[in-house]
Amino acid sequence: MDEFATRKGRRYGTILIDCETRQPLDLLPDREAETLAAWLREHPGVEIVCRDRAAFFADGARTGAPQAQHCADKWHVWHNLGEAVERLVSRHRALLRDLVEPEPSPEP
């Protein structure tokens, strides 16, 4: 599941895709947890929910398919990894600078 825009900046919905066939299953008219939960209750065979960190996806999936396992899709895994590496590098900037630009040795 992911968000999609029908009118960018104005109206967003939820797209549901079968991860095995890569075919769209349905388009939901909004990004509300209850709308997603209702759809999942109508389709009780859902075993795995692939989603991003959006709270409405988590709440809707937990409510509508409590038996399903949750995971992140490849794009979000790489995106989250990139953010984590960026935070790590930012925190250790001084150490990294010393590795790249060693202090000059004193002249005799």
Protein backbone atom coordinates (compact mmCIF):
# COMPACT_ATOMS: atom_id res chain seq x y z
CA MET A 1 0.00 0.00 0.00
CA ASP A 2 1.06 3.52 -0.69
CA GLU A 3 -0.32 6.98 -1.18
CA PHE A 4 -1.22 8.43 -4.55
CA ALA A 5 -2.39 11.86 -5.63
CA THR A 6 -5.49 12.42 -7.71
CA ARG A 7 -4.85 16.18 -7.55
CA LYS A 8 -1.34 16.86 -6.28
CA GLY A 9 -1.40 18.89 -3.11
CA ARG A 10 -5.18 18.69 -2.87
CA ARG A 11 -6.48 15.14 -2.86
CA TYR A 12 -4.73 11.93 -1.91
CA GLY A 13 -5.84 8.33 -1.74
CA THR A 14 -4.40 4.90 -1.04
CA ILE A 15 -3.34 2.41 -3.71
CA LEU A 16 -3.29 -1.28 -2.82
CA ILE A 17 -1.00 -3.52 -4.87
CA ASP A 18 -0.48 -7.28 -4.84
CA CYS A 19 3.25 -7.64 -4.18
CA GLU A 20 3.43 -11.06 -5.84
CA THR A 21 1.76 -10.10 -9.14
CA ARG A 22 2.59 -6.37 -8.96
CA GLN A 23 -0.96 -5.66 -10.07
CA PRO A 24 -3.16 -2.97 -8.49
CA LEU A 25 -5.91 -4.40 -6.30
CA ASP A 26 -7.86 -1.26 -5.48
CA LEU A 27 -7.76 2.50 -5.12
CA LEU A 28 -9.15 3.87 -1.88
CA PRO A 29 -10.54 7.42 -1.95
CA ASP A 30 -8.58 8.70 1.06
CA ARG A 31 -5.73 8.04 3.48
CA GLU A 32 -7.89 7.21 6.49
CA ALA A 33 -7.09 4.28 8.77
CA GLU A 34 -10.74 3.23 8.97
CA THR A 35 -11.13 3.12 5.16
CA LEU A 36 -8.10 0.85 4.93
CA ALA A 37 -9.26 -1.29 7.86
CA ALA A 38 -12.69 -1.76 6.26
CA TRP A 39 -11.10 -2.88 2.96
CA LEU A 40 -8.85 -5.35 4.78
CA ARG A 41 -11.79 -6.79 6.74
CA GLU A 42 -13.57 -7.39 3.41
CA HIS A 43 -10.46 -9.26 2.15
CA PRO A 44 -9.56 -11.60 5.05
CA GLY A 45 -6.81 -13.49 3.19
CA VAL A 46 -4.19 -10.74 3.55
CA GLU A 47 -1.12 -12.24 5.23
CA ILE A 48 1.55 -9.57 4.67
CA VAL A 49 1.16 -5.80 4.64
CA CYS A 50 3.94 -3.92 2.89
CA ARG A 51 3.81 -0.26 3.91
CA ASP A 52 5.72 2.86 4.83
CA ARG A 53 5.86 4.44 8.30
CA ALA A 54 2.63 6.44 7.94
CA ALA A 55 0.55 6.13 11.10
CA PHE A 56 -2.74 5.69 9.23
CA PHE A 57 -1.32 2.69 7.32
CA ALA A 58 -0.10 1.09 10.55
CA ASP A 59 -3.37 1.72 12.41
CA GLY A 60 -5.57 0.63 9.52
CA ALA A 61 -3.57 -2.53 8.88
CA ARG A 62 -3.47 -3.49 12.57
CA THR A 63 -7.22 -2.99 12.89
CA GLY A 64 -8.29 -4.53 9.58
CA ALA A 65 -5.82 -7.42 9.39
CA PRO A 66 -4.48 -8.12 12.89
CA GLN A 67 -3.05 -11.47 11.73
CA ALA A 68 -0.92 -9.89 8.98
CA GLN A 69 2.79 -9.32 9.29
CA HIS A 70 4.07 -5.84 8.47
CA CYS A 71 7.14 -5.04 6.39
CA ALA A 72 8.58 -2.12 4.44
CA ASP A 73 8.96 -2.11 0.67
CA LYS A 74 12.40 -1.87 -0.95
CA TRP A 75 12.13 1.85 -1.67
CA HIS A 76 11.34 2.68 1.97
CA VAL A 77 14.05 0.34 3.28
CA TRP A 78 16.68 2.10 1.13
CA HIS A 79 15.25 5.53 1.94
CA ASN A 80 15.29 4.80 5.69
CA LEU A 81 18.84 3.44 5.43
CA GLY A 82 19.96 6.57 3.59
CA GLU A 83 18.45 8.79 6.30
CA ALA A 84 20.16 6.75 9.04
CA VAL A 85 23.56 6.94 7.30
CA GLU A 86 23.13 10.69 6.81
CA ARG A 87 22.39 11.18 10.53
CA LEU A 88 25.38 9.00 11.47
CA VAL A 89 27.79 10.85 9.19
CA SER A 90 26.47 14.19 10.43
CA ARG A 91 27.06 13.22 14.07
CA HIS A 92 30.62 12.08 13.36
CA ARG A 93 31.60 14.83 10.93
CA ALA A 94 34.63 15.94 12.96
CA LEU A 95 36.04 12.42 13.12
CA LEU A 96 35.55 11.93 9.40
CA ARG A 97 37.19 15.28 8.63
CA ASP A 98 40.28 14.19 10.59
CA LEU A 99 40.48 11.02 8.52
CA VAL A 100 40.32 12.92 5.25
CA GLU A 101 42.38 15.97 6.26
CA PRO A 102 45.03 14.86 8.73
CA GLU A 103 46.63 17.59 10.78
CA PRO A 104 49.95 18.72 9.33
CA SER A 105 52.99 17.42 11.12
CA PRO A 106 55.14 20.06 12.85
CA GLU A 107 58.24 21.17 10.97
CA PRO A 108 61.62 20.37 12.62
